[in-house]
Amino acid sequence: MDMKNINNIPLEKLRLANRSDTSHDKKLETKPLTYMQDAFRRFCKNKGAVVGGIVISFLVLFALLAPLFTPFQPIYNDQTYAFAAPKNKIFYNLGIDFWDGCREKEGVGYVAYLKDLALGLETGREVIKDGEVEIDENGNYNYRYDTYYGVGFGKYKIISKEEYEAIQAYQNETGRQVLYPIVKYSDRPTQEKNKYDANIYYVTENPKAQTIRPKLDKDGNIQVNYWKYEEGEKSGLRADYNSLRIEGEDGVQENGKTYYYAYGRKVDGGIEVRTEYYEYYIYQHTQVKKDGITEPVFWFGTTSTGKDIFACLSYGARFSFVFAIIVAVVNLVVGVIWGSISGYYGGKIDLAMERFCEILGSVPTMIVITLLKYHMGTTSQVIVLLIAFFATGWIGMAGRTRMQFYRFKNQEYVLTARTLGARDRRIMFKHIFPNAIGTLVTSCALVIPSMIYSETSLSYLGIINLESGNTTSVGTLIAAGQQSLMKDGSAYITFFPCAFLVLLMLSFNLFGNGLRDAFNPSLRGTEG
């Protein structure tokens, strides 16, 4: 209503007020929030901090639970399966050209293509995925190569008679073929590198050549060169089972005679055989070692030494988290006690304590680690790293605590508590410390990724070697992958540990900023 019309209100619009019309302040229905509840509400409103917290939770769960879902351990290695590509059986069974254990082979020559083709024909496996091959304008072959089936037979293997018979029994029981017919010694290539190559089971154009080329028949097919012996001969070892892939197992008719394939050759030390490594691997782990490994499937692939990256990363992440949390807690406790005394009492006490911190803090961490390694050579390097990080790590926390105590110790509520006779310990940890907790919690949250990053850097540079038993480090994985970056299709070796480190640092940064705002007492009760 316009102010100039107030005096012109008609009398008929005015009426006397009743007692029931009187308004009173209403009782508050909401419940008061505690300090932690208010901090949690403000933290949840920071979307970046929430996302960071979720990522951290995922990484922690990965570090804690992932080792339970893999039969492999960091100590495991199998050089035959070095550089095996990441494989997920779901993607493989769906036929998706991703995470299927295959690698792109481009610009492959005709002879190399024939070798992969021959291996697939003998074993019945898709060494060349789906049999799909593209030939470019230069006559080179391009296809997806299975890194698990493609290891083939490797070199001829010498096993004992007992193992030979055990494999025979295993084949009869399971129907899985481990042993394949061998090539007679006199029919093999003459070059030393080719003579014991068990992948060469076919007739060759020139057995004396350095590069072996399969000799194709008139229809363009590869011709097998298995050792055949007539029934009754003692020169060969016949398998007492029916092969899954090899035709003529029950006898090959030639010139009115029946011949059988030889599956082994007696040599000094045992029996020389051809074993398809994929099946031999399954036999060894399920029947001999019985270590819970049922087949070679590496979710994140393997390193150049055949270590399972998934197992190494999960165990390394678990070690990093446990190590960093222990260091952070110890540094927090020592730093808070030291900084609170220095900042609260001030004067000569503060002067002496600060000079000590400056002297100790001026010693580089690298020097401390070097001296500790020199004097504690036989001690576990985990202990060396723990002592080195604790020796100077608490100084930063002490400095932040001292600064906060200087900031709040002369506030009115502190002076009032001192006037009312409160003891120093109560004033320090009841009145001042809660106001400093926001900065300290944030600093502690950022110390954890800092410790992990430092530990990773030292192990990456080889200054600290954490490879002992089932202990490993993310930095060691990155260092191992760096040497393989130039190898085609091997970038995954560094991708997974680097992705873990990047997510860790970024999420802790966002999470720490959210904690800082949430625990800031000056923001309590705000809507920010």
Protein backbone atom coordinates (compact mmCIF):
# COMPACT_ATOMS: atom_id res chain seq x y z
CA MET A 1 0.00 0.00 0.00
CA ASP A 2 1.21 3.43 -0.84
CA MET A 3 2.47 5.26 2.28
CA LYS A 4 0.60 8.50 1.42
CA ASN A 5 -2.75 6.68 1.52
CA ILE A 6 -2.34 5.32 5.06
CA ASN A 7 -4.21 8.28 6.59
CA ASN A 8 -7.06 7.91 4.10
CA ILE A 9 -8.11 4.34 5.04
CA PRO A 10 -11.91 4.20 5.35
CA LEU A 11 -13.22 3.43 8.86
CA GLU A 12 -15.37 0.52 7.61
CA LYS A 13 -12.15 -1.39 6.76
CA LEU A 14 -10.89 -1.22 10.31
CA ARG A 15 -11.90 -3.75 12.99
CA LEU A 16 -10.87 -4.58 16.55
CA ALA A 17 -8.31 -7.36 17.02
CA ASN A 18 -9.26 -10.48 19.00
CA ARG A 19 -7.00 -12.13 21.55
CA SER A 20 -6.81 -15.18 19.30
CA ASP A 21 -5.29 -13.08 16.55
CA THR A 22 -2.18 -12.36 18.56
CA SER A 23 0.88 -14.10 17.02
CA HIS A 24 3.69 -15.71 19.00
CA ASP A 25 7.03 -17.19 18.09
CA LYS A 26 6.67 -20.84 17.19
CA LYS A 27 8.75 -23.57 18.75
CA LEU A 28 11.54 -24.81 16.50
CA GLU A 29 10.70 -28.27 15.16
CA THR A 30 14.16 -29.02 13.79
CA LYS A 31 16.77 -30.79 15.85
CA PRO A 32 20.13 -29.12 16.48
CA LEU A 33 23.04 -30.46 14.41
CA THR A 34 26.24 -31.67 15.97
CA TYR A 35 29.58 -30.49 14.67
CA MET A 36 30.15 -33.74 12.74
CA GLN A 37 26.61 -33.75 11.29
CA ASP A 38 27.00 -30.21 10.04
CA ALA A 39 30.42 -31.03 8.59
CA PHE A 40 29.01 -34.07 6.82
CA ARG A 41 26.16 -32.01 5.31
CA ARG A 42 28.55 -29.41 3.97
CA PHE A 43 30.86 -32.11 2.65
CA CYS A 44 28.01 -33.78 0.74
CA LYS A 45 27.18 -30.49 -0.97
CA ASN A 46 30.65 -30.42 -2.50
CA LYS A 47 30.13 -32.64 -5.56
CA GLY A 48 33.80 -32.80 -6.44
CA ALA A 49 34.69 -34.01 -2.95
CA VAL A 50 31.92 -36.62 -3.06
CA VAL A 51 33.16 -37.95 -6.40
CA GLY A 52 36.70 -38.00 -5.02
CA GLY A 53 35.50 -39.93 -1.97
CA ILE A 54 33.71 -42.47 -4.16
CA VAL A 55 36.83 -43.00 -6.30
CA ILE A 56 38.98 -43.39 -3.18
CA SER A 57 36.51 -45.92 -1.79
CA PHE A 58 36.68 -47.87 -5.04
CA LEU A 59 40.49 -47.84 -5.01
CA VAL A 60 40.59 -48.96 -1.37
CA LEU A 61 38.12 -51.77 -2.06
CA PHE A 62 40.20 -52.80 -5.06
CA ALA A 63 43.32 -52.94 -2.86
CA LEU A 64 41.55 -54.94 -0.14
CA LEU A 65 39.35 -57.29 -2.15
CA ALA A 66 41.04 -57.77 -5.52
CA PRO A 67 43.70 -60.18 -4.14
CA LEU A 68 40.85 -62.44 -3.01
CA PHE A 69 39.54 -62.79 -6.57
CA THR A 70 42.73 -63.86 -8.30
CA PRO A 71 44.73 -67.06 -7.80
CA PHE A 72 47.90 -65.26 -8.89
CA GLN A 73 50.34 -63.50 -6.58
CA PRO A 74 53.16 -61.00 -7.19
CA ILE A 75 55.71 -63.76 -6.71
CA TYR A 76 54.19 -65.67 -9.66
CA ASN A 77 55.81 -65.40 -13.06
CA ASP A 78 55.76 -67.43 -16.27
CA GLN A 79 58.19 -66.29 -18.93
CA THR A 80 56.32 -68.20 -21.65
CA TYR A 81 53.33 -65.92 -21.13
CA ALA A 82 55.33 -62.70 -21.13
CA PHE A 83 53.43 -59.81 -22.77
CA ALA A 84 50.14 -61.69 -22.70
CA ALA A 85 47.41 -59.18 -23.56
CA PRO A 86 44.61 -58.38 -21.06
CA LYS A 87 41.81 -60.93 -21.33
CA ASN A 88 38.28 -60.97 -19.97
CA LYS A 89 36.42 -64.19 -20.74
CA ILE A 90 33.12 -62.34 -21.12
CA PHE A 91 34.47 -60.17 -23.92
CA TYR A 92 36.27 -63.15 -25.44
CA ASN A 93 33.17 -65.35 -25.50
CA LEU A 94 31.11 -62.54 -26.99
CA GLY A 95 33.65 -62.18 -29.80
CA ILE A 96 34.28 -58.51 -29.06
CA ASP A 97 37.61 -57.21 -30.38
CA PHE A 98 38.48 -55.66 -27.04
CA TRP A 99 39.93 -57.11 -23.84
CA ASP A 100 39.97 -60.51 -25.53
CA GLY A 101 43.62 -61.47 -25.07
CA CYS A 102 44.46 -60.64 -28.68
CA ARG A 103 46.86 -58.19 -30.24
CA GLU A 104 46.84 -56.60 -33.66
CA LYS A 105 49.51 -57.97 -35.97
CA GLU A 106 50.15 -55.63 -38.87
CA GLY A 107 52.54 -55.88 -41.78
CA VAL A 108 53.19 -59.60 -41.24
CA GLY A 109 55.09 -61.42 -43.96
CA TYR A 110 53.83 -64.53 -45.72
CA VAL A 111 56.11 -66.96 -43.89
CA ALA A 112 55.21 -65.61 -40.43
CA TYR A 113 51.54 -65.75 -41.37
CA LEU A 114 51.89 -69.39 -42.45
CA LYS A 115 53.46 -70.29 -39.08
CA ASP A 116 50.50 -68.81 -37.18
CA LEU A 117 48.10 -70.49 -39.60
CA ALA A 118 49.85 -73.85 -39.20
CA LEU A 119 49.69 -73.62 -35.40
CA GLY A 120 45.97 -72.96 -35.52
CA LEU A 121 45.37 -75.83 -37.94
CA GLU A 122 47.19 -78.35 -35.75
CA THR A 123 45.70 -77.35 -32.39
CA GLY A 124 42.24 -76.37 -33.65
CA ARG A 125 42.49 -73.04 -31.81
CA GLU A 126 41.87 -69.55 -33.13
CA VAL A 127 45.46 -68.35 -33.15
CA ILE A 128 44.20 -65.96 -35.82
CA LYS A 129 40.97 -64.70 -34.31
CA ASP A 130 37.91 -65.74 -36.33
CA GLY A 131 40.29 -66.60 -39.17
CA GLU A 132 39.91 -63.02 -40.42
CA VAL A 133 42.93 -61.82 -42.41
CA GLU A 134 43.41 -58.65 -44.45
CA ILE A 135 46.10 -58.33 -47.11
CA ASP A 136 47.32 -54.80 -47.80
CA GLU A 137 48.61 -53.40 -51.08
CA ASN A 138 52.17 -54.49 -50.20
CA GLY A 139 51.12 -58.11 -49.80
CA ASN A 140 51.48 -58.07 -46.00
CA TYR A 141 48.97 -59.72 -43.70
CA ASN A 142 47.00 -58.01 -40.93
CA TYR A 143 44.98 -59.91 -38.31
CA ARG A 144 44.22 -60.22 -34.60
CA TYR A 145 46.64 -62.63 -32.95
CA ASP A 146 45.71 -64.54 -29.78
CA THR A 147 48.58 -64.10 -27.31
CA TYR A 148 47.45 -67.10 -25.23
CA TYR A 149 47.04 -69.73 -27.94
CA GLY A 150 49.84 -68.23 -30.00
CA VAL A 151 52.60 -69.41 -27.64
CA GLY A 152 52.12 -72.81 -29.26
CA PHE A 153 54.61 -75.54 -28.37
CA GLY A 154 57.81 -73.63 -27.74
CA LYS A 155 60.84 -75.91 -27.59
CA TYR A 156 60.85 -79.69 -27.35
CA LYS A 157 60.50 -80.64 -23.70
CA ILE A 158 62.21 -83.51 -21.89
CA ILE A 159 60.05 -85.12 -19.20
CA SER A 160 60.37 -88.24 -17.09
CA LYS A 161 58.68 -91.51 -17.94
CA GLU A 162 56.44 -91.11 -14.88
CA GLU A 163 55.26 -87.67 -16.01
CA TYR A 164 54.74 -89.00 -19.53
CA GLU A 165 52.47 -91.74 -18.22
CA ALA A 166 50.69 -89.29 -15.88
CA ILE A 167 49.92 -86.98 -18.81
CA GLN A 168 48.61 -89.94 -20.80
CA ALA A 169 46.27 -90.85 -17.95
CA TYR A 170 45.16 -87.21 -17.64
CA GLN A 171 44.39 -87.06 -21.36
CA ASN A 172 42.33 -90.25 -21.23
CA GLU A 173 40.40 -89.00 -18.21
CA THR A 174 39.70 -85.43 -19.34
CA GLY A 175 39.84 -85.67 -23.12
CA ARG A 176 42.23 -82.68 -23.22
CA GLN A 177 45.20 -83.17 -25.50
CA VAL A 178 48.57 -82.11 -24.11
CA LEU A 179 51.01 -84.23 -26.14
CA TYR A 180 51.20 -84.02 -29.93
CA PRO A 181 53.10 -86.23 -32.39
CA ILE A 182 56.78 -85.35 -32.70
CA VAL A 183 58.98 -84.98 -35.76
CA LYS A 184 61.72 -87.55 -36.24
CA TYR A 185 65.13 -86.16 -35.33
CA SER A 186 66.58 -86.81 -38.81
CA ASP A 187 63.61 -85.07 -40.48
CA ARG A 188 63.94 -81.83 -38.54
CA PRO A 189 65.57 -78.61 -39.82
CA THR A 190 69.34 -78.66 -39.48
CA GLN A 191 69.87 -75.17 -38.01
CA GLU A 192 70.25 -75.30 -34.23
CA LYS A 193 67.57 -72.64 -33.58
CA ASN A 194 65.06 -74.56 -35.71
CA LYS A 195 65.97 -78.15 -34.79
CA TYR A 196 64.32 -77.96 -31.37
CA ASP A 197 61.48 -75.64 -32.35
CA ALA A 198 58.44 -77.78 -31.56
CA ASN A 199 56.15 -75.50 -33.57
CA ILE A 200 57.68 -76.82 -36.80
CA TYR A 201 55.67 -79.99 -37.37
CA TYR A 202 55.30 -79.64 -41.14
CA VAL A 203 57.34 -80.49 -44.22
CA THR A 204 59.70 -77.63 -45.06
CA GLU A 205 60.98 -76.37 -48.40
CA ASN A 206 64.62 -76.23 -47.32
CA PRO A 207 65.51 -77.79 -43.93
CA LYS A 208 68.96 -76.13 -44.06
CA ALA A 209 67.66 -72.56 -44.40
CA GLN A 210 67.76 -70.01 -41.59
CA THR A 211 64.13 -69.06 -42.20
CA ILE A 212 61.92 -72.12 -42.47
CA ARG A 213 59.15 -72.04 -45.06
CA PRO A 214 56.38 -74.67 -45.04
CA LYS A 215 56.23 -76.79 -48.19
CA LEU A 216 52.66 -76.77 -49.45
CA ASP A 217 51.08 -79.56 -51.46
CA LYS A 218 49.51 -79.07 -54.89
CA ASP A 219 46.30 -77.84 -53.26
CA GLY A 220 48.15 -75.22 -51.17
CA ASN A 221 47.82 -77.11 -47.88
CA ILE A 222 50.44 -77.59 -45.18
CA GLN A 223 51.84 -81.13 -45.04
CA VAL A 224 52.41 -82.77 -41.65
CA ASN A 225 55.81 -84.33 -40.97
CA TYR A 226 55.00 -86.52 -37.96
CA TRP A 227 57.22 -89.43 -37.05
CA LYS A 228 55.43 -92.63 -38.09
CA TYR A 229 56.53 -96.10 -37.08
CA GLU A 230 55.25 -99.53 -38.00
CA GLU A 231 53.41 -101.54 -35.38
CA GLY A 232 55.87 -103.63 -33.43
CA GLU A 233 58.79 -101.23 -33.80
CA LYS A 234 60.45 -99.98 -30.59
CA SER A 235 61.80 -96.73 -31.94
CA GLY A 236 58.75 -94.65 -31.10
CA LEU A 237 56.44 -94.05 -28.15
CA ARG A 238 52.77 -94.35 -28.95
CA ALA A 239 50.10 -92.57 -26.91
CA ASP A 240 47.54 -94.91 -25.40
CA TYR A 241 44.58 -92.64 -26.13
CA ASN A 242 42.65 -91.19 -29.07
CA SER A 243 43.80 -87.73 -30.12
CA LEU A 244 41.29 -84.93 -30.38
CA ARG A 245 42.83 -83.23 -33.38
CA ILE A 246 45.26 -85.62 -35.05
CA GLU A 247 43.81 -87.80 -37.75
CA GLY A 248 45.26 -91.27 -38.09
CA GLU A 249 45.60 -91.92 -34.38
CA ASP A 250 44.27 -95.45 -34.83
CA GLY A 251 46.74 -96.15 -37.59
CA VAL A 252 47.73 -94.78 -40.99
CA GLN A 253 47.60 -97.14 -43.95
CA GLU A 254 50.53 -96.82 -46.34
CA ASN A 255 51.61 -99.43 -48.90
CA GLY A 256 49.53 -102.08 -47.19
CA LYS A 257 51.14 -101.45 -43.81
CA THR A 258 49.79 -99.83 -40.65
CA TYR A 259 51.82 -97.01 -39.11
CA TYR A 260 51.34 -95.10 -35.88
CA TYR A 261 52.44 -91.67 -34.77
CA ALA A 262 55.22 -91.33 -32.20
CA TYR A 263 54.46 -89.03 -29.28
CA GLY A 264 57.90 -89.15 -27.69
CA ARG A 265 61.55 -89.94 -28.26
CA LYS A 266 63.69 -91.62 -25.66
CA VAL A 267 66.74 -89.49 -24.85
CA ASP A 268 69.19 -89.18 -21.98
CA GLY A 269 67.27 -87.88 -18.98
CA GLY A 270 63.80 -88.94 -20.07
CA ILE A 271 61.45 -88.61 -23.01
CA GLU A 272 61.45 -85.78 -25.52
CA VAL A 273 57.89 -84.60 -26.29
CA ARG A 274 55.90 -81.83 -27.94
CA THR A 275 53.50 -80.23 -25.47
CA GLU A 276 51.04 -77.53 -26.38
CA TYR A 277 51.89 -75.04 -23.66
CA TYR A 278 48.31 -73.82 -23.08
CA GLU A 279 47.15 -77.33 -22.17
CA TYR A 280 50.40 -78.22 -20.42
CA TYR A 281 49.97 -75.10 -18.27
CA ILE A 282 46.48 -76.23 -17.24
CA TYR A 283 47.77 -79.74 -16.50
CA GLN A 284 50.65 -78.47 -14.37
CA HIS A 285 48.53 -76.14 -12.23
CA THR A 286 45.47 -78.36 -11.81
CA GLN A 287 47.14 -81.75 -11.44
CA VAL A 288 50.68 -81.13 -10.21
CA LYS A 289 50.91 -77.82 -8.34
CA LYS A 290 47.21 -77.61 -7.42
CA ASP A 291 47.59 -73.92 -6.62
CA GLY A 292 44.08 -72.85 -7.59
CA ILE A 293 45.03 -71.69 -11.10
CA THR A 294 42.74 -73.37 -13.61
CA GLU A 295 43.80 -71.68 -16.86
CA PRO A 296 46.00 -68.83 -18.09
CA VAL A 297 43.68 -65.81 -18.04
CA PHE A 298 45.26 -62.51 -17.02
CA TRP A 299 42.70 -59.70 -16.61
CA PHE A 300 45.26 -56.89 -16.93
CA GLY A 301 47.79 -58.86 -18.99
CA THR A 302 51.35 -59.73 -18.00
CA THR A 303 54.69 -57.94 -17.80
CA SER A 304 57.86 -58.70 -19.75
CA THR A 305 58.73 -61.31 -17.11
CA GLY A 306 55.30 -62.97 -17.15
CA LYS A 307 53.98 -61.46 -13.91
CA ASP A 308 50.22 -60.98 -13.61
CA ILE A 309 49.61 -57.21 -13.62
CA PHE A 310 46.23 -57.48 -11.86
CA ALA A 311 47.77 -59.34 -8.91
CA CYS A 312 50.83 -57.08 -8.75
CA LEU A 313 48.71 -53.92 -8.89
CA SER A 314 46.23 -55.07 -6.26
CA TYR A 315 48.92 -56.25 -3.85
CA GLY A 316 50.99 -53.13 -4.55
CA ALA A 317 47.98 -50.86 -3.97
CA ARG A 318 47.22 -52.62 -0.69
CA PHE A 319 50.79 -52.19 0.48
CA SER A 320 50.77 -48.51 -0.56
CA PHE A 321 47.56 -47.75 1.34
CA VAL A 322 48.62 -49.58 4.51
CA PHE A 323 52.09 -48.04 4.42
CA ALA A 324 50.81 -44.50 3.78
CA ILE A 325 48.11 -44.69 6.47
CA ILE A 326 50.61 -45.92 9.08
CA VAL A 327 53.05 -43.12 8.21
CA ALA A 328 50.27 -40.51 8.18
CA VAL A 329 48.86 -41.58 11.57
CA VAL A 330 52.28 -41.66 13.24
CA ASN A 331 53.23 -38.28 11.76
CA LEU A 332 49.86 -36.83 12.79
CA VAL A 333 50.17 -37.95 16.41
CA VAL A 334 53.77 -36.82 16.81
CA GLY A 335 53.25 -33.63 14.83
CA VAL A 336 50.14 -32.59 16.77
CA ILE A 337 51.78 -33.12 20.15
CA TRP A 338 54.97 -31.33 19.11
CA GLY A 339 53.22 -28.45 17.34
CA SER A 340 50.64 -27.89 20.08
CA ILE A 341 53.30 -27.56 22.77
CA SER A 342 55.41 -25.28 20.59
CA GLY A 343 52.53 -23.06 19.52
CA TYR A 344 50.73 -22.85 22.87
CA TYR A 345 53.65 -22.00 25.13
CA GLY A 346 55.69 -19.98 22.63
CA GLY A 347 58.74 -18.07 23.84
CA LYS A 348 62.00 -19.92 24.42
CA ILE A 349 60.28 -23.30 24.24
CA ASP A 350 58.94 -22.50 20.79
CA LEU A 351 62.30 -21.08 19.72
CA ALA A 352 64.22 -24.20 20.74
CA MET A 353 61.67 -26.60 19.21
CA GLU A 354 61.54 -24.67 15.95
CA ARG A 355 65.32 -24.58 15.56
CA PHE A 356 65.40 -28.36 16.07
CA CYS A 357 62.74 -28.83 13.39
CA GLU A 358 64.60 -26.57 10.97
CA ILE A 359 67.84 -28.47 11.43
CA LEU A 360 66.17 -31.86 11.03
CA GLY A 361 64.00 -30.69 8.14
CA SER A 362 66.99 -29.36 6.20
CA VAL A 363 68.34 -32.91 5.75
CA PRO A 364 67.09 -34.23 2.35
CA THR A 365 64.99 -37.38 2.51
CA MET A 366 67.23 -38.96 -0.12
CA ILE A 367 70.23 -38.57 2.17
CA VAL A 368 68.32 -40.14 5.03
CA ILE A 369 67.31 -43.12 2.88
CA THR A 370 70.85 -43.58 1.57
CA LEU A 371 72.35 -43.54 5.07
CA LEU A 372 69.71 -45.93 6.37
CA LYS A 373 70.29 -48.34 3.48
CA TYR A 374 74.03 -48.19 4.13
CA HIS A 375 73.75 -48.92 7.86
CA MET A 376 70.73 -51.25 7.63
CA GLY A 377 71.69 -53.23 4.56
CA THR A 378 70.26 -56.54 5.77
CA THR A 379 67.07 -54.98 7.10
CA SER A 380 63.86 -55.03 5.11
CA GLN A 381 63.66 -52.00 2.86
CA VAL A 382 60.08 -51.47 3.98
CA ILE A 383 61.45 -50.70 7.46
CA VAL A 384 64.07 -48.40 5.92
CA LEU A 385 61.36 -46.52 4.03
CA LEU A 386 59.14 -46.29 7.11
CA ILE A 387 61.91 -44.82 9.27
CA ALA A 388 62.99 -42.40 6.53
CA PHE A 389 59.48 -41.02 6.02
CA PHE A 390 58.87 -40.73 9.76
CA ALA A 391 62.22 -39.07 10.47
CA THR A 392 61.15 -35.81 8.83
CA GLY A 393 57.53 -36.40 7.82
CA TRP A 394 56.05 -35.16 11.10
CA ILE A 395 57.72 -31.73 10.81
CA GLY A 396 55.16 -30.40 8.34
CA MET A 397 52.27 -31.52 10.53
CA ALA A 398 53.94 -29.94 13.57
CA GLY A 399 54.31 -26.65 11.72
CA ARG A 400 50.63 -26.56 10.74
CA THR A 401 49.55 -27.39 14.27
CA ARG A 402 51.83 -24.67 15.68
CA MET A 403 50.38 -22.12 13.28
CA GLN A 404 46.81 -22.99 14.25
CA PHE A 405 47.61 -22.76 17.97
CA TYR A 406 49.18 -19.33 17.47
CA ARG A 407 46.07 -18.30 15.62
CA PHE A 408 43.52 -19.37 18.22
CA LYS A 409 45.32 -19.22 21.61
CA ASN A 410 44.53 -15.54 22.16
CA GLN A 411 40.87 -15.73 21.17
CA GLU A 412 38.26 -14.55 23.68
CA TYR A 413 36.92 -17.99 24.50
CA VAL A 414 40.45 -19.22 25.27
CA LEU A 415 41.12 -16.24 27.55
CA THR A 416 37.79 -16.83 29.29
CA ALA A 417 38.64 -20.50 29.87
CA ARG A 418 42.04 -19.52 31.27
CA THR A 419 40.40 -16.92 33.55
CA LEU A 420 37.99 -19.55 34.86
CA GLY A 421 40.94 -21.74 35.86
CA ALA A 422 41.02 -24.28 33.03
CA ARG A 423 44.25 -26.23 32.82
CA ASP A 424 46.59 -25.90 29.87
CA ARG A 425 45.92 -29.43 28.64
CA ARG A 426 42.14 -28.76 28.61
CA ILE A 427 42.57 -25.47 26.81
CA MET A 428 44.89 -27.01 24.25
CA PHE A 429 42.82 -30.05 23.33
CA LYS A 430 39.30 -28.95 24.27
CA HIS A 431 39.18 -25.38 22.99
CA ILE A 432 42.01 -24.83 20.52
CA PHE A 433 42.53 -28.20 18.88
CA PRO A 434 38.89 -28.62 17.64
CA ASN A 435 39.23 -25.33 15.76
CA ALA A 436 42.45 -26.51 14.15
CA ILE A 437 41.15 -29.96 13.23
CA GLY A 438 39.86 -28.86 9.81
CA THR A 439 43.32 -27.87 8.58
CA LEU A 440 44.95 -30.90 10.20
CA VAL A 441 42.46 -33.39 8.76
CA THR A 442 42.91 -31.88 5.32
CA SER A 443 46.69 -32.04 5.67
CA CYS A 444 46.49 -35.65 6.86
CA ALA A 445 44.26 -36.58 3.90
CA LEU A 446 46.82 -35.08 1.53
CA VAL A 447 49.75 -36.76 3.30
CA ILE A 448 48.43 -40.20 2.28
CA PRO A 449 48.69 -39.67 -1.50
CA SER A 450 51.94 -37.80 -0.95
CA MET A 451 53.43 -40.80 0.82
CA ILE A 452 52.16 -43.16 -1.89
CA TYR A 453 53.59 -40.91 -4.59
CA SER A 454 56.97 -40.71 -2.83
CA GLU A 455 57.10 -44.46 -2.29
CA THR A 456 56.11 -45.03 -5.92
CA SER A 457 58.78 -42.62 -7.18
CA LEU A 458 61.53 -44.24 -5.12
CA SER A 459 60.63 -47.75 -6.27
CA TYR A 460 60.23 -46.52 -9.86
CA LEU A 461 63.76 -45.07 -9.81
CA GLY A 462 65.10 -48.28 -8.24
CA ILE A 463 66.34 -46.52 -5.10
CA ILE A 464 64.13 -48.76 -2.99
CA ASN A 465 63.47 -52.35 -4.04
CA LEU A 466 60.21 -53.64 -2.60
CA GLU A 467 60.14 -56.84 -4.66
CA SER A 468 60.19 -59.43 -1.91
CA GLY A 469 57.79 -62.36 -1.74
CA ASN A 470 54.27 -61.03 -2.19
CA THR A 471 55.34 -57.44 -1.53
CA THR A 472 55.54 -55.20 -4.56
CA SER A 473 55.01 -51.57 -5.54
CA VAL A 474 53.07 -49.63 -8.15
CA GLY A 475 56.32 -47.85 -9.05
CA THR A 476 57.98 -51.16 -9.86
CA LEU A 477 55.16 -51.96 -12.29
CA ILE A 478 55.52 -48.58 -14.00
CA ALA A 479 59.28 -49.07 -14.32
CA ALA A 480 58.73 -52.53 -15.82
CA GLY A 481 56.23 -51.14 -18.31
CA GLN A 482 58.44 -48.23 -19.36
CA GLN A 483 60.86 -50.61 -21.05
CA SER A 484 57.99 -52.06 -23.09
CA LEU A 485 56.35 -48.82 -24.26
CA MET A 486 57.91 -49.09 -27.69
CA LYS A 487 56.78 -52.69 -28.13
CA ASP A 488 53.59 -52.97 -30.19
CA GLY A 489 50.46 -53.50 -28.12
CA SER A 490 52.25 -53.41 -24.74
CA ALA A 491 51.18 -49.98 -23.49
CA TYR A 492 48.72 -51.68 -21.12
CA ILE A 493 51.66 -52.62 -18.84
CA THR A 494 52.04 -48.98 -17.81
CA PHE A 495 48.43 -47.94 -18.38
CA PHE A 496 46.89 -49.74 -15.41
CA PRO A 497 49.40 -48.67 -12.71
CA CYS A 498 49.54 -45.12 -14.11
CA ALA A 499 45.73 -44.91 -14.17
CA PHE A 500 45.66 -46.06 -10.54
CA LEU A 501 48.18 -43.39 -9.54
CA VAL A 502 46.44 -40.59 -11.46
CA LEU A 503 43.01 -41.45 -10.03
CA LEU A 504 44.50 -41.66 -6.55
CA MET A 505 46.20 -38.26 -6.65
CA LEU A 506 43.27 -36.47 -8.28
CA SER A 507 40.58 -37.97 -6.03
CA PHE A 508 42.55 -37.31 -2.84
CA ASN A 509 43.03 -33.71 -3.93
CA LEU A 510 39.28 -33.21 -4.39
CA PHE A 511 38.52 -35.15 -1.23
CA GLY A 512 40.99 -33.10 0.83
CA ASN A 513 39.51 -29.80 -0.37
CA GLY A 514 36.05 -31.01 0.63
CA LEU A 515 37.27 -32.00 4.08
CA ARG A 516 38.90 -28.60 4.55
CA ASP A 517 35.63 -26.77 3.91
CA ALA A 518 33.56 -29.27 5.89
CA PHE A 519 35.67 -29.01 9.05
CA ASN A 520 36.14 -25.25 8.91
CA PRO A 521 34.41 -23.93 12.08
CA SER A 522 33.79 -20.51 10.50
CA LEU A 523 31.49 -22.16 7.95
CA ARG A 524 29.40 -24.02 10.51
CA GLY A 525 25.71 -23.55 9.94
CA THR A 526 26.14 -22.02 6.50
CA GLU A 527 24.44 -23.32 3.38
CA GLY A 528 27.65 -23.39 1.34
